[in-house]
Each structure stands twice: as C-alpha cells, then as structure tokens.
Amino acid sequence: MSYKLGFIGLGVMGGTILSRFMDTKEILPGDIVVYDAIPDKAAPYTARGAHLAGSAEEVLSAEIAVLAVKPQNYKEILLNSRIGCRTLVSIMAGVKTATLSKLLPEGTAICRIMPNTPAFVGEGASGVTFVNVCDTDKALICNILKSMGKYVEISEDKFDAVTSVSGSGPAYVYMFAAALTKAGIEGGLSPEESKLLALQTIEGSAAYAKTAPFDLETLTERVCSKGGTTIEAVNVFKKENLDGIVSDAVRACRNRSAELSEKS
C-alpha cells in the first residue's frame, strides 16, 4: 500500500509533530504510516486511524517520510532499508542534509527541520531548509510546520544558530521563569501565586512584543520610570552583564551544535 506521509520515531518531538498535524485533518489517517522501536508509542496514532508499519523500511516507502529518531540511530536505519520516499524530512539535531544525501538514493529530496517543544501546544518556533523538494511536498511540509506554530525558512548554514536560540531556547526561558518564581517566593508570595504571575508575565510580554510598534530595547525602557522600581532591577541586570551571560551561553550551545554536525 502507498502512503502519503510516514513517521519513524514517535518520541516527544516526533509524536508532537504528528499529533498536531493529524489535528488539521489535512491528510486522512489511513494515508499515514508510523513506526517506533517501542510499539506502544504508536498506539495513540493508530487509535486515530494511522497504519502501524512492521518496520522502518515500510515507512521509508511513503511519499514523504519523517525521520524523528536520535542522531545516533539514523545510519543503521537508512543503511538497512530500501528507501522509496520522494522526500525525507529530518528533525535530527546536528545531522546535515549533505550527510543524509550520501545514504539516500540519488534524486531523493531532503527537508531539515529544527523544531522546539512549545510545538506541543501549537506555539513552537522552527527553522527549516529544503533541498530539491518539489512544490507539492514543500506545501505539505509547510502546513505541518504551521500546525506546530511559527517557522522561518533559512539556509542550512544558519542551523547551529537556530538550534542555540529556538531549539534549546525553551530551557533558557524555563530557567528564568524558575528564578523569577523563586524570587517572588522570597518576597512573600506562595509558590502557586509566584509561578502564576511569573509565567503569565512571560507569556503576556512575549505576546505584546510581537505586536507592539517598538523594538525590545524600547519596550524595556517603557516599563521603567526614572526613580521608580523597575529601573532598580534593570540596573542590576546591566551591572551583572545579563547580555554577556546570555551571549556566552548561546555561543556555547551553538558551538556544540556545530561540533555535532561535523561528527555526524
């Protein structure tokens, strides 16, 4: 049987992407084939009508096959399978399209995506690059990305930067939210009160920044009043070189991403 879309790997990210896209109902569940080395992970999707493949090779015969496995596992899968897909989609960090192309039949199109975990609630941020992908497949892949949140089409040489900003970025935000929550508790708020206020402030600030007619620096200044309270906190951030700390952290992440890409 021929399938339009296939997924190999149904972990947190692979499963999230598939679930978000199935919600769009753009492709009938019966046109989707899935496989995971742990069969139970496929149950939520087969329950919705997707076909359970007996092997990864069966998925690689779909028109578009999504490879959502750990980077250390992809070579074995591709080397031990007959590959019949028109387009291979990879969400694996650190694996270049040039590396994948060496393991694929000549003429196989490749799409590389760097998603992030907020895709789980349809608020993800993804980077994507296409290599010889036809318009039909590109349109479908873009619709998958839209179901996950926002995306930017970029050249592949920017993937390490995307990884360090949005791919790993949720961890940075969670750390700041945890620190802000802890500080609120130290000021007398209950853990529940402080967490609610911290998370809603982050969510609301991001939503406003998307639509406000000001850059981020101006938005910061607009919250501060001379001689007021906010400026005292902002001055501490500046004194402790918040920009430099963030820059150093993101650079370390970016360098590690580049290192993994060279080893893949």
Protein backbone atom coordinates (compact mmCIF):
# COMPACT_ATOMS: atom_id res chain seq x y z
CA MET A 1 0.00 0.00 0.00
CA SER A 2 1.20 3.52 -0.78
CA TYR A 3 1.11 6.16 1.97
CA LYS A 4 1.34 9.93 1.67
CA LEU A 5 3.13 10.51 4.98
CA GLY A 6 5.23 8.34 7.26
CA PHE A 7 6.87 8.82 10.67
CA ILE A 8 9.81 6.91 12.08
CA GLY A 9 10.21 7.75 15.75
CA LEU A 10 7.29 8.78 17.96
CA GLY A 11 9.05 10.22 20.96
CA VAL A 12 8.29 13.62 22.46
CA MET A 13 9.05 15.67 19.36
CA GLY A 14 8.09 13.19 16.64
CA GLY A 15 4.83 12.40 18.40
CA THR A 16 4.07 16.07 18.97
CA ILE A 17 4.56 16.93 15.31
CA LEU A 18 2.40 14.06 14.13
CA SER A 19 -0.34 14.78 16.66
CA ARG A 20 -0.50 18.48 15.76
CA PHE A 21 -0.68 17.67 12.06
CA MET A 22 -3.33 14.95 12.47
CA ASP A 23 -5.47 17.56 14.22
CA THR A 24 -5.54 19.56 10.97
CA LYS A 25 -7.18 16.61 9.17
CA GLU A 26 -5.33 17.66 6.02
CA ILE A 27 -4.39 14.05 5.31
CA LEU A 28 -6.69 11.14 6.10
CA PRO A 29 -5.31 8.99 8.94
CA GLY A 30 -5.38 5.99 6.61
CA ASP A 31 -2.79 7.73 4.42
CA ILE A 32 -0.33 7.93 7.32
CA VAL A 33 2.05 5.12 8.35
CA VAL A 34 4.02 5.11 11.60
CA TYR A 35 6.77 3.10 13.24
CA ASP A 36 8.65 3.18 16.52
CA ALA A 37 11.04 0.63 18.00
CA ILE A 38 8.77 0.72 21.08
CA PRO A 39 5.37 -0.31 19.62
CA ASP A 40 3.35 1.22 22.49
CA LYS A 41 4.45 4.70 21.38
CA ALA A 42 2.49 4.23 18.16
CA ALA A 43 -0.78 3.39 19.95
CA PRO A 44 -2.17 6.96 20.20
CA TYR A 45 -1.80 7.41 16.43
CA THR A 46 -3.01 4.02 15.29
CA ALA A 47 -6.03 4.60 17.53
CA ARG A 48 -6.74 7.64 15.35
CA GLY A 49 -6.52 5.57 12.18
CA ALA A 50 -2.84 5.67 11.19
CA HIS A 51 -1.33 2.42 9.89
CA LEU A 52 1.26 0.67 12.06
CA ALA A 53 4.28 -0.37 9.99
CA GLY A 54 6.11 -3.58 10.67
CA SER A 55 9.46 -1.92 10.08
CA ALA A 56 11.15 1.41 9.46
CA GLU A 57 11.65 0.34 5.86
CA GLU A 58 7.90 0.29 5.30
CA VAL A 59 7.70 3.95 6.40
CA LEU A 60 10.53 4.87 4.05
CA SER A 61 8.31 3.89 1.13
CA ALA A 62 5.82 6.69 1.93
CA GLU A 63 5.83 9.72 -0.38
CA ILE A 64 7.15 11.87 2.49
CA ALA A 65 8.99 10.11 5.31
CA VAL A 66 9.80 11.92 8.55
CA LEU A 67 12.88 10.70 10.42
CA ALA A 68 12.45 11.64 14.08
CA VAL A 69 14.95 9.31 15.74
CA LYS A 70 18.02 10.04 17.85
CA PRO A 71 21.00 11.08 15.70
CA GLN A 72 22.99 8.01 16.73
CA ASN A 73 20.34 5.69 15.25
CA TYR A 74 19.65 7.06 11.78
CA LYS A 75 22.58 5.48 9.91
CA GLU A 76 21.58 1.94 10.83
CA ILE A 77 18.01 2.61 9.74
CA LEU A 78 18.95 4.09 6.37
CA LEU A 79 21.72 1.59 5.60
CA ASN A 80 19.46 -1.40 6.30
CA SER A 81 16.40 -0.21 4.38
CA ARG A 82 15.24 0.10 0.82
CA ILE A 83 14.31 3.75 0.52
CA GLY A 84 11.46 4.70 -1.76
CA CYS A 85 10.28 8.04 -0.39
CA ARG A 86 10.22 11.09 -2.63
CA THR A 87 11.20 13.41 0.24
CA LEU A 88 12.95 12.62 3.50
CA VAL A 89 12.29 15.02 6.39
CA SER A 90 14.79 15.08 9.25
CA ILE A 91 14.27 16.69 12.65
CA MET A 92 17.59 15.36 13.97
CA ALA A 93 19.89 17.92 15.55
CA GLY A 94 23.38 18.11 14.11
CA VAL A 95 22.81 15.96 11.02
CA LYS A 96 23.42 17.86 7.79
CA THR A 97 21.48 17.30 4.58
CA ALA A 98 24.76 16.53 2.79
CA THR A 99 25.39 13.72 5.28
CA LEU A 100 21.92 12.30 4.72
CA SER A 101 22.17 12.53 0.94
CA LYS A 102 25.09 10.10 0.94
CA LEU A 103 22.80 7.43 2.38
CA LEU A 104 19.81 8.08 0.12
CA PRO A 105 19.06 7.09 -3.48
CA GLU A 106 20.08 9.70 -6.00
CA GLY A 107 17.37 12.28 -6.52
CA THR A 108 15.77 11.94 -3.08
CA ALA A 109 14.72 15.37 -1.84
CA ILE A 110 15.57 16.37 1.72
CA CYS A 111 13.98 18.72 4.22
CA ARG A 112 15.67 19.53 7.53
CA ILE A 113 13.70 21.00 10.42
CA MET A 114 14.80 22.30 13.81
CA PRO A 115 11.63 22.43 15.95
CA ASN A 116 11.20 23.11 19.64
CA THR A 117 8.99 21.71 22.39
CA PRO A 118 6.36 24.51 22.52
CA ALA A 119 5.09 22.89 19.31
CA PHE A 120 3.24 20.63 21.76
CA VAL A 121 0.70 23.44 22.26
CA GLY A 122 0.96 24.84 18.74
CA GLU A 123 3.30 27.64 19.80
CA GLY A 124 6.58 26.26 18.51
CA ALA A 125 9.33 28.06 16.63
CA SER A 126 11.04 26.11 13.85
CA GLY A 127 13.76 26.64 11.31
CA VAL A 128 13.53 24.74 8.00
CA THR A 129 15.60 24.27 4.88
CA PHE A 130 14.64 22.47 1.65
CA VAL A 131 16.91 20.65 -0.79
CA ASN A 132 15.30 19.87 -4.15
CA VAL A 133 11.86 19.47 -2.57
CA CYS A 134 9.01 19.72 -5.08
CA ASP A 135 6.29 22.34 -4.62
CA THR A 136 3.68 19.75 -3.60
CA ASP A 137 5.81 18.26 -0.84
CA LYS A 138 7.03 21.68 0.29
CA ALA A 139 3.45 22.90 0.66
CA LEU A 140 2.53 19.90 2.80
CA ILE A 141 5.63 20.26 4.98
CA CYS A 142 4.90 23.97 5.47
CA ASN A 143 1.39 23.07 6.60
CA ILE A 144 2.88 20.65 9.11
CA LEU A 145 5.08 23.46 10.38
CA LYS A 146 2.12 25.84 10.62
CA SER A 147 0.29 23.29 12.77
CA MET A 148 3.25 23.43 15.17
CA GLY A 149 3.47 27.24 15.43
CA LYS A 150 5.73 29.68 13.55
CA TYR A 151 8.61 28.84 11.24
CA VAL A 152 11.33 30.52 9.21
CA GLU A 153 12.87 29.14 6.02
CA ILE A 154 16.63 29.54 6.25
CA SER A 155 19.85 28.38 4.62
CA GLU A 156 21.38 25.36 6.32
CA ASP A 157 24.47 27.26 7.47
CA LYS A 158 22.21 29.03 10.00
CA PHE A 159 21.01 25.84 11.67
CA ASP A 160 23.51 25.97 14.52
CA ALA A 161 22.27 29.48 15.33
CA VAL A 162 18.64 28.32 15.20
CA THR A 163 19.46 25.41 17.49
CA SER A 164 21.07 27.74 20.03
CA VAL A 165 18.23 30.29 20.02
CA SER A 166 14.91 28.49 19.50
CA GLY A 167 15.78 24.80 19.56
CA SER A 168 17.37 24.99 23.01
CA GLY A 169 15.73 28.29 23.96
CA PRO A 170 12.80 26.88 25.95
CA ALA A 171 15.28 25.63 28.56
CA TYR A 172 16.61 29.18 28.99
CA VAL A 173 13.09 30.56 29.41
CA TYR A 174 12.19 27.88 31.96
CA MET A 175 15.33 28.68 33.95
CA PHE A 176 14.46 32.39 34.01
CA ALA A 177 10.85 31.58 34.97
CA ALA A 178 12.06 29.35 37.81
CA ALA A 179 14.42 32.06 39.06
CA LEU A 180 11.67 34.70 38.87
CA THR A 181 9.28 32.38 40.72
CA LYS A 182 11.85 31.71 43.44
CA ALA A 183 12.46 35.44 43.85
CA GLY A 184 8.72 36.01 44.23
CA ILE A 185 8.54 33.38 46.94
CA GLU A 186 11.43 35.07 48.74
CA GLY A 187 9.33 38.25 48.66
CA GLY A 188 6.41 36.58 50.40
CA LEU A 189 4.30 35.09 47.59
CA SER A 190 3.16 31.49 47.77
CA PRO A 191 4.78 29.11 45.23
CA GLU A 192 1.48 28.93 43.33
CA GLU A 193 0.99 32.69 43.29
CA SER A 194 4.55 33.40 42.22
CA LYS A 195 4.60 30.77 39.45
CA LEU A 196 1.28 32.01 38.01
CA LEU A 197 2.46 35.63 38.00
CA ALA A 198 5.89 34.76 36.54
CA LEU A 199 4.61 32.57 33.73
CA GLN A 200 1.75 34.90 32.80
CA THR A 201 4.17 37.83 32.75
CA ILE A 202 6.49 35.97 30.37
CA GLU A 203 3.60 34.86 28.15
CA GLY A 204 1.95 38.28 28.11
CA SER A 205 5.20 40.14 27.50
CA ALA A 206 6.04 37.91 24.53
CA ALA A 207 2.55 38.34 23.08
CA TYR A 208 2.74 42.13 23.42
CA ALA A 209 6.27 42.30 21.98
CA LYS A 210 5.06 40.51 18.82
CA THR A 211 2.55 43.23 18.03
CA ALA A 212 3.92 46.38 19.69
CA PRO A 213 5.37 49.06 17.35
CA PHE A 214 8.61 49.19 19.37
CA ASP A 215 11.86 47.27 19.44
CA LEU A 216 12.74 45.22 22.51
CA GLU A 217 15.06 47.85 23.97
CA THR A 218 12.33 50.49 23.76
CA LEU A 219 9.82 48.13 25.34
CA THR A 220 12.21 47.70 28.25
CA GLU A 221 12.58 51.45 28.65
CA ARG A 222 8.79 51.94 28.55
CA VAL A 223 8.38 49.74 31.63
CA CYS A 224 10.99 51.74 33.54
CA SER A 225 10.26 55.05 35.27
CA LYS A 226 13.06 57.32 36.39
CA GLY A 227 13.41 56.86 40.12
CA GLY A 228 10.91 54.00 40.04
CA THR A 229 11.11 50.32 40.92
CA THR A 230 11.73 48.56 37.59
CA ILE A 231 14.86 50.55 36.82
CA GLU A 232 16.45 49.19 40.00
CA ALA A 233 16.11 45.61 38.75
CA VAL A 234 17.18 46.54 35.23
CA ASN A 235 20.29 48.24 36.60
CA VAL A 236 21.25 45.05 38.42
CA PHE A 237 20.83 43.03 35.21
CA LYS A 238 23.07 45.52 33.41
CA LYS A 239 25.65 45.55 36.18
CA GLU A 240 25.81 41.74 36.18
CA ASN A 241 26.11 41.78 32.36
CA LEU A 242 22.96 39.84 31.51
CA ASP A 243 23.63 40.37 27.78
CA GLY A 244 27.08 38.85 28.13
CA ILE A 245 25.84 35.86 30.13
CA VAL A 246 23.17 35.09 27.55
CA SER A 247 25.61 35.59 24.69
CA ASP A 248 28.16 33.23 26.27
CA ALA A 249 25.53 30.58 26.94
CA VAL A 250 24.05 30.71 23.44
CA ARG A 251 27.53 30.66 21.90
CA ALA A 252 28.39 27.50 23.87
CA CYS A 253 25.22 25.85 22.61
CA ARG A 254 25.90 26.99 19.04
CA ASN A 255 29.46 25.69 19.14
CA ARG A 256 28.30 22.31 20.43
CA SER A 257 25.74 22.12 17.64
CA ALA A 258 28.48 22.82 15.09
CA GLU A 259 30.69 20.18 16.70
CA LEU A 260 27.95 17.56 16.47
CA SER A 261 27.32 18.47 12.84
CA GLU A 262 30.97 17.85 11.97
CA LYS A 263 30.88 14.45 13.67
CA SER A 264 27.63 13.25 12.05
